[in-house]
Amino acid sequence: MKGTTLTELNKAYLRQGRFIAGRYIHANVKYFRQRTDAIFFEHELAADKHRPRGKAYLRLMQIENLSKTMKFKALQEKIRQREASNAGN
């Protein structure tokens, strides 16, 4: 079974919020006519409203950030070892 990454989840929530904002803008097209800034503001506001919050979500973000940090540190260590072996030759 394929797992969903946090990045994919964030994109899905962002897409959902923007879709809802698009429906709202389309329903009130007379108000938003000639107001480009208001359209973008409404898109971002709706996307932000649908972004998940809470302790569980924050914990998931911390775990994903920790795993990325660990991968980066492992990559840096490999680069240092390769540079050290090249310097010895």
PDB file of N, CA and C in Angstrom:
ATOM      1  N   MET A   1       0.840  -1.173   0.000  1.00  0.00           N
ATOM      2  CA  MET A   1       0.000   0.000   0.000  1.00  0.00           C
ATOM      3  C   MET A   1       0.888   1.240   0.000  1.00  0.00           C
ATOM      4  N   LYS A   2       0.606   2.150  -0.912  1.00  0.00           N
ATOM      5  CA  LYS A   2       1.423   3.345  -1.053  1.00  0.00           C
ATOM      6  C   LYS A   2       1.026   4.385  -0.014  1.00  0.00           C
ATOM      7  N   GLY A   3       2.007   4.974   0.627  1.00  0.00           N
ATOM      8  CA  GLY A   3       1.747   6.013   1.615  1.00  0.00           C
ATOM      9  C   GLY A   3       1.718   7.385   0.970  1.00  0.00           C
ATOM     10  N   THR A   4       1.036   8.295   1.589  1.00  0.00           N
ATOM     11  CA  THR A   4       0.962   9.674   1.120  1.00  0.00           C
ATOM     12  C   THR A   4       1.974  10.499   1.901  1.00  0.00           C
ATOM     13  N   THR A   5       2.806  11.223   1.180  1.00  0.00           N
ATOM     14  CA  THR A   5       3.781  12.066   1.856  1.00  0.00           C
ATOM     15  C   THR A   5       3.108  13.347   2.319  1.00  0.00           C
ATOM     16  N   LEU A   6       3.770  14.021   3.216  1.00  0.00           N
ATOM     17  CA  LEU A   6       3.236  15.272   3.744  1.00  0.00           C
ATOM     18  C   LEU A   6       3.161  16.339   2.652  1.00  0.00           C
ATOM     19  N   THR A   7       4.106  16.313   1.730  1.00  0.00           N
ATOM     20  CA  THR A   7       4.107  17.270   0.628  1.00  0.00           C
ATOM     21  C   THR A   7       2.873  17.078  -0.252  1.00  0.00           C
ATOM     22  N   GLU A   8       2.565  15.816  -0.567  1.00  0.00           N
ATOM     23  CA  GLU A   8       1.374  15.535  -1.381  1.00  0.00           C
ATOM     24  C   GLU A   8       0.108  15.957  -0.648  1.00  0.00           C
ATOM     25  N   LEU A   9       0.076  15.731   0.652  1.00  0.00           N
ATOM     26  CA  LEU A   9      -1.080  16.114   1.457  1.00  0.00           C
ATOM     27  C   LEU A   9      -1.262  17.630   1.460  1.00  0.00           C
ATOM     28  N   ASN A  10      -0.174  18.369   1.618  1.00  0.00           N
ATOM     29  CA  ASN A  10      -0.239  19.836   1.598  1.00  0.00           C
ATOM     30  C   ASN A  10      -0.738  20.345   0.249  1.00  0.00           C
ATOM     31  N   LYS A  11      -0.249  19.738  -0.835  1.00  0.00           N
ATOM     32  CA  LYS A  11      -0.687  20.159  -2.167  1.00  0.00           C
ATOM     33  C   LYS A  11      -2.172  19.886  -2.368  1.00  0.00           C
ATOM     34  N   ALA A  12      -2.645  18.754  -1.853  1.00  0.00           N
ATOM     35  CA  ALA A  12      -4.069  18.424  -1.987  1.00  0.00           C
ATOM     36  C   ALA A  12      -4.932  19.421  -1.225  1.00  0.00           C
ATOM     37  N   TYR A  13      -4.523  19.793  -0.018  1.00  0.00           N
ATOM     38  CA  TYR A  13      -5.280  20.781   0.753  1.00  0.00           C
ATOM     39  C   TYR A  13      -5.255  22.150   0.077  1.00  0.00           C
ATOM     40  N   LEU A  14      -4.121  22.516  -0.487  1.00  0.00           N
ATOM     41  CA  LEU A  14      -4.006  23.794  -1.189  1.00  0.00           C
ATOM     42  C   LEU A  14      -4.916  23.810  -2.414  1.00  0.00           C
ATOM     43  N   ARG A  15      -4.894  22.715  -3.171  1.00  0.00           N
ATOM     44  CA  ARG A  15      -5.743  22.597  -4.355  1.00  0.00           C
ATOM     45  C   ARG A  15      -7.220  22.669  -3.970  1.00  0.00           C
ATOM     46  N   GLN A  16      -7.589  22.002  -2.892  1.00  0.00           N
ATOM     47  CA  GLN A  16      -8.969  22.007  -2.426  1.00  0.00           C
ATOM     48  C   GLN A  16      -9.409  23.417  -2.040  1.00  0.00           C
ATOM     49  N   GLY A  17      -8.564  24.137  -1.319  1.00  0.00           N
ATOM     50  CA  GLY A  17      -8.897  25.499  -0.917  1.00  0.00           C
ATOM     51  C   GLY A  17      -9.039  26.425  -2.101  1.00  0.00           C
ATOM     52  N   ARG A  18      -8.155  26.287  -3.063  1.00  0.00           N
ATOM     53  CA  ARG A  18      -8.228  27.149  -4.249  1.00  0.00           C
ATOM     54  C   ARG A  18      -9.448  26.816  -5.104  1.00  0.00           C
ATOM     55  N   PHE A  19      -9.812  25.548  -5.166  1.00  0.00           N
ATOM     56  CA  PHE A  19     -10.999  25.164  -5.912  1.00  0.00           C
ATOM     57  C   PHE A  19     -12.252  25.780  -5.274  1.00  0.00           C
ATOM     58  N   ILE A  20     -12.315  25.737  -3.954  1.00  0.00           N
ATOM     59  CA  ILE A  20     -13.456  26.322  -3.245  1.00  0.00           C
ATOM     60  C   ILE A  20     -13.485  27.829  -3.457  1.00  0.00           C
ATOM     61  N   ALA A  21     -12.322  28.472  -3.429  1.00  0.00           N
ATOM     62  CA  ALA A  21     -12.263  29.921  -3.683  1.00  0.00           C
ATOM     63  C   ALA A  21     -12.700  30.230  -5.106  1.00  0.00           C
ATOM     64  N   GLY A  22     -12.304  29.401  -6.044  1.00  0.00           N
ATOM     65  CA  GLY A  22     -12.708  29.603  -7.431  1.00  0.00           C
ATOM     66  C   GLY A  22     -14.212  29.532  -7.607  1.00  0.00           C
ATOM     67  N   ARG A  23     -14.848  28.593  -6.917  1.00  0.00           N
ATOM     68  CA  ARG A  23     -16.310  28.498  -6.976  1.00  0.00           C
ATOM     69  C   ARG A  23     -16.958  29.738  -6.369  1.00  0.00           C
ATOM     70  N   TYR A  24     -16.392  30.233  -5.263  1.00  0.00           N
ATOM     71  CA  TYR A  24     -16.930  31.432  -4.610  1.00  0.00           C
ATOM     72  C   TYR A  24     -16.786  32.646  -5.527  1.00  0.00           C
ATOM     73  N   ILE A  25     -15.623  32.768  -6.152  1.00  0.00           N
ATOM     74  CA  ILE A  25     -15.383  33.900  -7.056  1.00  0.00           C
ATOM     75  C   ILE A  25     -16.320  33.826  -8.260  1.00  0.00           C
ATOM     76  N   HIS A  26     -16.490  32.624  -8.792  1.00  0.00           N
ATOM     77  CA  HIS A  26     -17.375  32.452  -9.945  1.00  0.00           C
ATOM     78  C   HIS A  26     -18.824  32.802  -9.586  1.00  0.00           C
ATOM     79  N   ALA A  27     -19.233  32.485  -8.370  1.00  0.00           N
ATOM     80  CA  ALA A  27     -20.595  32.782  -7.934  1.00  0.00           C
ATOM     81  C   ALA A  27     -20.806  34.284  -7.724  1.00  0.00           C
ATOM     82  N   ASN A  28     -19.746  35.006  -7.379  1.00  0.00           N
ATOM     83  CA  ASN A  28     -19.829  36.451  -7.127  1.00  0.00           C
ATOM     84  C   ASN A  28     -19.003  37.225  -8.147  1.00  0.00           C
ATOM     85  N   VAL A  29     -19.154  36.879  -9.406  1.00  0.00           N
ATOM     86  CA  VAL A  29     -18.303  37.442 -10.454  1.00  0.00           C
ATOM     87  C   VAL A  29     -18.481  38.951 -10.595  1.00  0.00           C
ATOM     88  N   LYS A  30     -19.648  39.474 -10.302  1.00  0.00           N
ATOM     89  CA  LYS A  30     -19.864  40.913 -10.436  1.00  0.00           C
ATOM     90  C   LYS A  30     -18.989  41.698  -9.460  1.00  0.00           C
ATOM     91  N   TYR A  31     -18.828  41.167  -8.258  1.00  0.00           N
ATOM     92  CA  TYR A  31     -17.988  41.848  -7.270  1.00  0.00           C
ATOM     93  C   TYR A  31     -16.515  41.802  -7.664  1.00  0.00           C
ATOM     94  N   PHE A  32     -16.070  40.668  -8.197  1.00  0.00           N
ATOM     95  CA  PHE A  32     -14.644  40.482  -8.472  1.00  0.00           C
ATOM     96  C   PHE A  32     -14.211  40.999  -9.839  1.00  0.00           C
ATOM     97  N   ARG A  33     -15.138  41.494 -10.629  1.00  0.00           N
ATOM     98  CA  ARG A  33     -14.773  42.032 -11.937  1.00  0.00           C
ATOM     99  C   ARG A  33     -13.887  43.262 -11.738  1.00  0.00           C
ATOM    100  N   GLN A  34     -12.777  43.319 -12.433  1.00  0.00           N
ATOM    101  CA  GLN A  34     -11.787  44.405 -12.361  1.00  0.00           C
ATOM    102  C   GLN A  34     -11.082  44.479 -11.006  1.00  0.00           C
ATOM    103  N   ARG A  35     -11.066  43.407 -10.239  1.00  0.00           N
ATOM    104  CA  ARG A  35     -10.386  43.380  -8.938  1.00  0.00           C
ATOM    105  C   ARG A  35      -9.457  42.174  -8.874  1.00  0.00           C
ATOM    106  N   THR A  36      -8.383  42.252  -9.585  1.00  0.00           N
ATOM    107  CA  THR A  36      -7.452  41.130  -9.658  1.00  0.00           C
ATOM    108  C   THR A  36      -6.843  40.819  -8.302  1.00  0.00           C
ATOM    109  N   ASP A  37      -6.464  41.837  -7.552  1.00  0.00           N
ATOM    110  CA  ASP A  37      -5.855  41.607  -6.238  1.00  0.00           C
ATOM    111  C   ASP A  37      -6.816  40.893  -5.298  1.00  0.00           C
ATOM    112  N   ALA A  38      -8.095  41.249  -5.368  1.00  0.00           N
ATOM    113  CA  ALA A  38      -9.086  40.606  -4.506  1.00  0.00           C
ATOM    114  C   ALA A  38      -9.229  39.126  -4.848  1.00  0.00           C
ATOM    115  N   ILE A  39      -9.103  38.797  -6.123  1.00  0.00           N
ATOM    116  CA  ILE A  39      -9.194  37.395  -6.550  1.00  0.00           C
ATOM    117  C   ILE A  39      -8.042  36.594  -5.955  1.00  0.00           C
ATOM    118  N   PHE A  40      -6.817  37.105  -6.077  1.00  0.00           N
ATOM    119  CA  PHE A  40      -5.658  36.389  -5.528  1.00  0.00           C
ATOM    120  C   PHE A  40      -5.727  36.299  -4.005  1.00  0.00           C
ATOM    121  N   PHE A  41      -6.193  37.372  -3.369  1.00  0.00           N
ATOM    122  CA  PHE A  41      -6.340  37.356  -1.922  1.00  0.00           C
ATOM    123  C   PHE A  41      -7.334  36.280  -1.497  1.00  0.00           C
ATOM    124  N   GLU A  42      -8.441  36.195  -2.197  1.00  0.00           N
ATOM    125  CA  GLU A  42      -9.477  35.201  -1.875  1.00  0.00           C
ATOM    126  C   GLU A  42      -8.932  33.786  -2.063  1.00  0.00           C
ATOM    127  N   HIS A  43      -8.134  33.575  -3.113  1.00  0.00           N
ATOM    128  CA  HIS A  43      -7.524  32.260  -3.350  1.00  0.00           C
ATOM    129  C   HIS A  43      -6.620  31.870  -2.181  1.00  0.00           C
ATOM    130  N   GLU A  44      -5.742  32.779  -1.789  1.00  0.00           N
ATOM    131  CA  GLU A  44      -4.801  32.466  -0.709  1.00  0.00           C
ATOM    132  C   GLU A  44      -5.506  32.307   0.632  1.00  0.00           C
ATOM    133  N   LEU A  45      -6.519  33.118   0.873  1.00  0.00           N
ATOM    134  CA  LEU A  45      -7.267  33.025   2.122  1.00  0.00           C
ATOM    135  C   LEU A  45      -7.967  31.671   2.239  1.00  0.00           C
ATOM    136  N   ALA A  46      -8.599  31.235   1.165  1.00  0.00           N
ATOM    137  CA  ALA A  46      -9.292  29.944   1.183  1.00  0.00           C
ATOM    138  C   ALA A  46      -8.295  28.797   1.305  1.00  0.00           C
ATOM    139  N   ALA A  47      -7.161  28.908   0.636  1.00  0.00           N
ATOM    140  CA  ALA A  47      -6.149  27.856   0.730  1.00  0.00           C
ATOM    141  C   ALA A  47      -5.602  27.765   2.151  1.00  0.00           C
ATOM    142  N   ASP A  48      -5.419  28.914   2.788  1.00  0.00           N
ATOM    143  CA  ASP A  48      -4.914  28.926   4.160  1.00  0.00           C
ATOM    144  C   ASP A  48      -5.941  28.366   5.135  1.00  0.00           C
ATOM    145  N   LYS A  49      -7.229  28.634   4.884  1.00  0.00           N
ATOM    146  CA  LYS A  49      -8.294  28.117   5.747  1.00  0.00           C
ATOM    147  C   LYS A  49      -8.329  26.594   5.739  1.00  0.00           C
ATOM    148  N   HIS A  50      -8.021  25.984   4.603  1.00  0.00           N
ATOM    149  CA  HIS A  50      -8.114  24.531   4.474  1.00  0.00           C
ATOM    150  C   HIS A  50      -6.817  23.812   4.805  1.00  0.00           C
ATOM    151  N   ARG A  51      -5.793  24.554   5.193  1.00  0.00           N
ATOM    152  CA  ARG A  51      -4.544  23.925   5.622  1.00  0.00           C
ATOM    153  C   ARG A  51      -4.774  23.325   7.000  1.00  0.00           C
ATOM    154  N   PRO A  52      -4.423  22.070   7.195  1.00  0.00           N
ATOM    155  CA  PRO A  52      -4.686  21.445   8.496  1.00  0.00           C
ATOM    156  C   PRO A  52      -3.851  22.067   9.607  1.00  0.00           C
ATOM    157  N   ARG A  53      -4.408  22.012  10.800  1.00  0.00           N
ATOM    158  CA  ARG A  53      -3.731  22.528  11.975  1.00  0.00           C
ATOM    159  C   ARG A  53      -3.829  21.483  13.071  1.00  0.00           C
ATOM    160  N   GLY A  54      -3.153  21.708  14.142  1.00  0.00           N
ATOM    161  CA  GLY A  54      -3.284  20.812  15.277  1.00  0.00           C
ATOM    162  C   GLY A  54      -1.979  20.127  15.628  1.00  0.00           C
ATOM    163  N   LYS A  55      -1.990  19.490  16.782  1.00  0.00           N
ATOM    164  CA  LYS A  55      -0.785  18.857  17.312  1.00  0.00           C
ATOM    165  C   LYS A  55      -0.324  17.691  16.445  1.00  0.00           C
ATOM    166  N   ALA A  56      -1.267  16.893  15.967  1.00  0.00           N
ATOM    167  CA  ALA A  56      -0.895  15.725  15.162  1.00  0.00           C
ATOM    168  C   ALA A  56      -0.222  16.160  13.861  1.00  0.00           C
ATOM    169  N   TYR A  57      -0.776  17.183  13.218  1.00  0.00           N
ATOM    170  CA  TYR A  57      -0.196  17.668  11.966  1.00  0.00           C
ATOM    171  C   TYR A  57       1.190  18.265  12.204  1.00  0.00           C
ATOM    172  N   LEU A  58       1.328  19.036  13.275  1.00  0.00           N
ATOM    173  CA  LEU A  58       2.639  19.609  13.596  1.00  0.00           C
ATOM    174  C   LEU A  58       3.658  18.515  13.877  1.00  0.00           C
ATOM    175  N   ARG A  59       3.228  17.464  14.551  1.00  0.00           N
ATOM    176  CA  ARG A  59       4.123  16.346  14.844  1.00  0.00           C
ATOM    177  C   ARG A  59       4.565  15.654  13.548  1.00  0.00           C
ATOM    178  N   LEU A  60       3.642  15.489  12.602  1.00  0.00           N
ATOM    179  CA  LEU A  60       4.000  14.908  11.307  1.00  0.00           C
ATOM    180  C   LEU A  60       5.025  15.778  10.583  1.00  0.00           C
ATOM    181  N   MET A  61       4.834  17.082  10.639  1.00  0.00           N
ATOM    182  CA  MET A  61       5.788  17.991  10.002  1.00  0.00           C
ATOM    183  C   MET A  61       7.160  17.872  10.656  1.00  0.00           C
ATOM    184  N   GLN A  62       7.201  17.770  11.984  1.00  0.00           N
ATOM    185  CA  GLN A  62       8.473  17.633  12.683  1.00  0.00           C
ATOM    186  C   GLN A  62       9.176  16.342  12.282  1.00  0.00           C
ATOM    187  N   ILE A  63       8.421  15.254  12.180  1.00  0.00           N
ATOM    188  CA  ILE A  63       9.013  13.972  11.794  1.00  0.00           C
ATOM    189  C   ILE A  63       9.572  14.047  10.380  1.00  0.00           C
ATOM    190  N   GLU A  64       8.816  14.636   9.455  1.00  0.00           N
ATOM    191  CA  GLU A  64       9.308  14.731   8.077  1.00  0.00           C
ATOM    192  C   GLU A  64      10.540  15.638   7.990  1.00  0.00           C
ATOM    193  N   ASN A  65      10.533  16.754   8.716  1.00  0.00           N
ATOM    194  CA  ASN A  65      11.692  17.644   8.707  1.00  0.00           C
ATOM    195  C   ASN A  65      12.914  16.963   9.318  1.00  0.00           C
ATOM    196  N   LEU A  66      12.701  16.176  10.373  1.00  0.00           N
ATOM    197  CA  LEU A  66      13.800  15.450  10.998  1.00  0.00           C
ATOM    198  C   LEU A  66      14.388  14.421  10.041  1.00  0.00           C
ATOM    199  N   SER A  67      13.534  13.708   9.310  1.00  0.00           N
ATOM    200  CA  SER A  67      14.041  12.710   8.368  1.00  0.00           C
ATOM    201  C   SER A  67      14.827  13.368   7.239  1.00  0.00           C
ATOM    202  N   LYS A  68      14.353  14.525   6.755  1.00  0.00           N
ATOM    203  CA  LYS A  68      15.080  15.243   5.710  1.00  0.00           C
ATOM    204  C   LYS A  68      16.429  15.734   6.231  1.00  0.00           C
ATOM    205  N   THR A  69      16.453  16.200   7.470  1.00  0.00           N
ATOM    206  CA  THR A  69      17.704  16.667   8.071  1.00  0.00           C
ATOM    207  C   THR A  69      18.695  15.522   8.205  1.00  0.00           C
ATOM    208  N   MET A  70      18.212  14.366   8.630  1.00  0.00           N
ATOM    209  CA  MET A  70      19.091  13.208   8.792  1.00  0.00           C
ATOM    210  C   MET A  70      19.650  12.754   7.444  1.00  0.00           C
ATOM    211  N   LYS A  71      18.820  12.754   6.403  1.00  0.00           N
ATOM    212  CA  LYS A  71      19.292  12.382   5.065  1.00  0.00           C
ATOM    213  C   LYS A  71      20.354  13.363   4.587  1.00  0.00           C
ATOM    214  N   PHE A  72      20.132  14.644   4.848  1.00  0.00           N
ATOM    215  CA  PHE A  72      21.089  15.667   4.427  1.00  0.00           C
ATOM    216  C   PHE A  72      22.422  15.494   5.154  1.00  0.00           C
ATOM    217  N   LYS A  73      22.364  15.208   6.459  1.00  0.00           N
ATOM    218  CA  LYS A  73      23.592  14.997   7.221  1.00  0.00           C
ATOM    219  C   LYS A  73      24.351  13.777   6.728  1.00  0.00           C
ATOM    220  N   ALA A  74      23.623  12.702   6.390  1.00  0.00           N
ATOM    221  CA  ALA A  74      24.264  11.499   5.866  1.00  0.00           C
ATOM    222  C   ALA A  74      24.935  11.797   4.529  1.00  0.00           C
ATOM    223  N   LEU A  75      24.297  12.584   3.695  1.00  0.00           N
ATOM    224  CA  LEU A  75      24.873  12.964   2.409  1.00  0.00           C
ATOM    225  C   LEU A  75      26.125  13.812   2.609  1.00  0.00           C
ATOM    226  N   GLN A  76      26.077  14.753   3.549  1.00  0.00           N
ATOM    227  CA  GLN A  76      27.257  15.571   3.840  1.00  0.00           C
ATOM    228  C   GLN A  76      28.416  14.709   4.320  1.00  0.00           C
ATOM    229  N   GLU A  77      28.123  13.713   5.151  1.00  0.00           N
ATOM    230  CA  GLU A  77      29.170  12.828   5.656  1.00  0.00           C
ATOM    231  C   GLU A  77      29.801  12.024   4.526  1.00  0.00           C
ATOM    232  N   LYS A  78      29.005  11.549   3.585  1.00  0.00           N
ATOM    233  CA  LYS A  78      29.539  10.818   2.429  1.00  0.00           C
ATOM    234  C   LYS A  78      30.444  11.716   1.596  1.00  0.00           C
ATOM    235  N   ILE A  79      30.031  12.968   1.420  1.00  0.00           N
ATOM    236  CA  ILE A  79      30.840  13.913   0.643  1.00  0.00           C
ATOM    237  C   ILE A  79      32.172  14.161   1.352  1.00  0.00           C
ATOM    238  N   ARG A  80      32.146  14.333   2.676  1.00  0.00           N
ATOM    239  CA  ARG A  80      33.387  14.538   3.436  1.00  0.00           C
ATOM    240  C   ARG A  80      34.313  13.339   3.314  1.00  0.00           C
ATOM    241  N   GLN A  81      33.756  12.132   3.394  1.00  0.00           N
ATOM    242  CA  GLN A  81      34.576  10.931   3.274  1.00  0.00           C
ATOM    243  C   GLN A  81      35.182  10.820   1.889  1.00  0.00           C
ATOM    244  N   ARG A  82      34.413  11.159   0.876  1.00  0.00           N
ATOM    245  CA  ARG A  82      34.926  11.097  -0.501  1.00  0.00           C
ATOM    246  C   ARG A  82      36.039  12.130  -0.706  1.00  0.00           C
ATOM    247  N   GLU A  83      35.837  13.348  -0.138  1.00  0.00           N
ATOM    248  CA  GLU A  83      36.869  14.377  -0.254  1.00  0.00           C
ATOM    249  C   GLU A  83      38.147  13.950   0.492  1.00  0.00           C
ATOM    250  N   ALA A  84      37.973  13.322   1.660  1.00  0.00           N
ATOM    251  CA  ALA A  84      39.127  12.870   2.428  1.00  0.00           C
ATOM    252  C   ALA A  84      39.895  11.771   1.674  1.00  0.00           C
ATOM    253  N   SER A  85      39.168  10.879   1.024  1.00  0.00           N
ATOM    254  CA  SER A  85      39.846   9.811   0.278  1.00  0.00           C
ATOM    255  C   SER A  85      40.522  10.360  -0.971  1.00  0.00           C
ATOM    256  N   ASN A  86      39.936  11.380  -1.583  1.00  0.00           N
ATOM    257  CA  ASN A  86      40.555  12.010  -2.754  1.00  0.00           C
ATOM    258  C   ASN A  86      41.780  12.817  -2.350  1.00  0.00           C
ATOM    259  N   ALA A  87      41.744  13.426  -1.176  1.00  0.00           N
ATOM    260  CA  ALA A  87      42.881  14.203  -0.697  1.00  0.00           C
ATOM    261  C   ALA A  87      44.053  13.273  -0.371  1.00  0.00           C
ATOM    262  N   GLY A  88      43.775  12.070   0.073  1.00  0.00           N
ATOM    263  CA  GLY A  88      44.829  11.105   0.409  1.00  0.00           C
ATOM    264  C   GLY A  88      45.511  10.546  -0.825  1.00  0.00           C
ATOM    265  N   ASN A  89      44.841  10.566  -1.953  1.00  0.00           N
ATOM    266  CA  ASN A  89      45.411  10.004  -3.189  1.00  0.00           C
ATOM    267  C   ASN A  89      46.255  10.976  -3.886  1.00  0.00           C
TER     268      ASN A  89
END
